[in-house]
Protein backbone atom coordinates (compact mmCIF):
# COMPACT_ATOMS: atom_id res chain seq x y z
CA MET A 1 415.67 233.09 186.89
CA PRO A 2 418.66 231.44 185.19
CA ALA A 3 419.05 227.71 185.47
CA GLY A 4 422.07 225.60 184.66
CA PRO A 5 421.75 222.49 182.57
CA PRO A 6 420.34 219.45 184.31
CA ALA A 7 422.78 216.73 185.34
CA ALA A 8 422.30 213.73 183.05
CA SER A 9 423.59 210.26 182.30
CA ASP A 10 422.35 207.84 179.65
CA THR A 11 419.27 206.88 181.68
CA VAL A 12 418.82 209.47 184.44
CA ILE A 13 418.17 213.22 184.40
CA VAL A 14 418.49 215.07 187.72
CA MET A 15 416.69 218.40 187.93
CA ALA A 16 416.21 221.11 190.51
CA GLY A 17 413.39 220.83 193.04
CA VAL A 18 412.40 224.49 192.72
CA PRO A 19 409.45 224.43 190.29
CA SER A 20 410.46 227.42 188.16
CA ILE A 21 414.03 226.14 187.78
CA MET A 22 412.87 222.60 187.09
CA GLN A 23 410.51 223.89 184.38
CA ALA A 24 413.41 225.67 182.66
CA MET A 25 415.47 222.47 182.83
CA LEU A 26 412.57 220.37 181.53
CA ASP A 27 412.11 222.76 178.60
CA GLU A 28 415.75 222.15 177.73
CA VAL A 29 415.70 218.34 177.89
CA ALA A 30 412.15 217.58 176.69
CA PRO A 31 413.00 217.68 172.97
CA LYS A 32 415.78 215.14 173.59
CA LEU A 33 413.59 212.57 175.37
CA ASN A 34 412.63 209.40 173.58
CA ILE A 35 408.89 209.01 173.39
CA GLY A 36 407.54 205.53 173.91
CA VAL A 37 404.09 204.01 173.71
CA ARG A 38 401.50 206.23 175.35
CA MET A 39 400.21 205.04 178.73
CA LEU A 40 396.45 205.45 179.10
CA SER A 41 394.80 205.86 182.48
CA GLU A 42 391.29 205.71 183.93
CA THR A 43 390.13 206.31 187.50
CA VAL A 44 386.97 204.81 188.96
CA ARG A 45 385.64 206.02 192.31
CA ALA A 46 384.49 202.88 194.06
CA ASP A 47 382.39 204.38 196.87
CA ALA A 48 383.44 201.28 198.80
CA ARG A 49 386.16 200.46 201.30
CA GLU A 50 389.29 198.90 199.83
CA GLY A 51 388.87 195.81 201.99
CA ASP A 52 385.37 195.25 200.62
CA ILE A 53 386.57 195.05 197.02
CA GLY A 54 390.18 193.84 197.28
CA THR A 55 389.51 190.18 196.48
CA GLN A 56 387.38 191.04 193.45
CA LEU A 57 389.98 193.57 192.23
CA GLY A 58 392.62 190.85 192.45
CA GLU A 59 390.50 188.55 190.31
CA ILE A 60 389.94 191.28 187.72
CA ALA A 61 393.67 192.07 187.69
CA LYS A 62 394.50 188.40 187.05
CA ALA A 63 391.97 188.29 184.21
CA ASN A 64 393.44 191.47 182.67
CA PRO A 65 397.24 191.09 182.79
CA ALA A 66 397.83 193.89 180.24
CA VAL A 67 396.22 196.41 182.62
CA ALA A 68 397.89 197.66 185.81
CA ILE A 69 395.24 198.09 188.49
CA GLY A 70 395.86 199.96 191.73
CA SER A 71 393.54 200.80 194.60
CA TYR A 72 393.96 203.96 196.63
CA PRO A 73 391.86 204.33 199.78
CA PHE A 74 390.85 207.74 201.05
CA PHE A 75 388.42 209.29 203.48
CA ASP A 76 385.58 211.47 202.25
CA PRO A 77 384.21 213.63 205.12
CA GLN A 78 380.66 213.37 203.73
CA HIS A 79 380.61 209.69 202.73
CA GLY A 80 383.30 208.03 204.84
CA ALA A 81 385.90 205.53 203.67
CA SER A 82 386.19 205.08 199.93
CA THR A 83 388.65 203.94 197.27
CA ASN A 84 389.82 205.16 193.91
CA VAL A 85 390.68 202.38 191.49
CA VAL A 86 393.26 203.46 188.91
CA LEU A 87 393.76 201.47 185.73
CA ARG A 88 396.71 201.94 183.36
CA ALA A 89 397.38 200.27 180.01
CA HIS A 90 398.85 200.90 176.59
CA ASP A 91 395.86 199.38 174.78
CA ALA A 92 392.62 201.39 174.89
CA HIS A 93 390.40 198.35 174.26
CA LYS A 94 391.98 196.33 177.08
CA LEU A 95 391.74 199.34 179.39
CA ALA A 96 388.03 199.78 178.58
CA GLN A 97 387.38 196.06 179.09
CA ALA A 98 389.00 196.08 182.55
CA LYS A 99 387.19 199.30 183.51
CA ARG A 100 383.87 197.75 182.51
CA ALA A 101 384.65 194.66 184.64
CA ILE A 102 385.41 196.90 187.64
CA GLU A 103 382.25 198.97 187.19
CA GLU A 104 380.15 195.77 186.95
CA MET A 105 381.81 194.37 190.08
CA LEU A 106 381.16 197.61 191.97
CA GLU A 107 377.50 197.50 190.95
CA ARG A 108 377.25 193.93 192.33
CA VAL A 109 378.89 195.08 195.60
CA ARG A 110 376.42 197.99 195.90
CA ARG A 111 373.44 195.73 195.26
CA ALA A 112 374.66 193.21 197.85
CA LYS A 113 375.07 195.98 200.46
CA SER A 114 371.57 197.35 199.84
CA SER A 115 369.92 193.91 200.14
């Protein structure tokens, strides 16, 4: 399927929404893209409701300013309300440190619920 060139300015590239056409356009522009510092990402399944961990997540985020932390609630039909915590950072050590803090906090939350 032929695809015309994507529309581009200095900072924006507009591509087709049809996946096969967009892929052809991406193949054309990908070699021209500047590559920056790689963004690393980790996801932790909390097995807790977002409201039950929000305050603690805020504290961890403040203590780890180089790591972007987001919480994404969802419903699991077998286990009920839960949350995925997504961490993003350029530095692997800082990412691991924040992930460890979240996992330790979640363990404390689980222990408190089972008491």
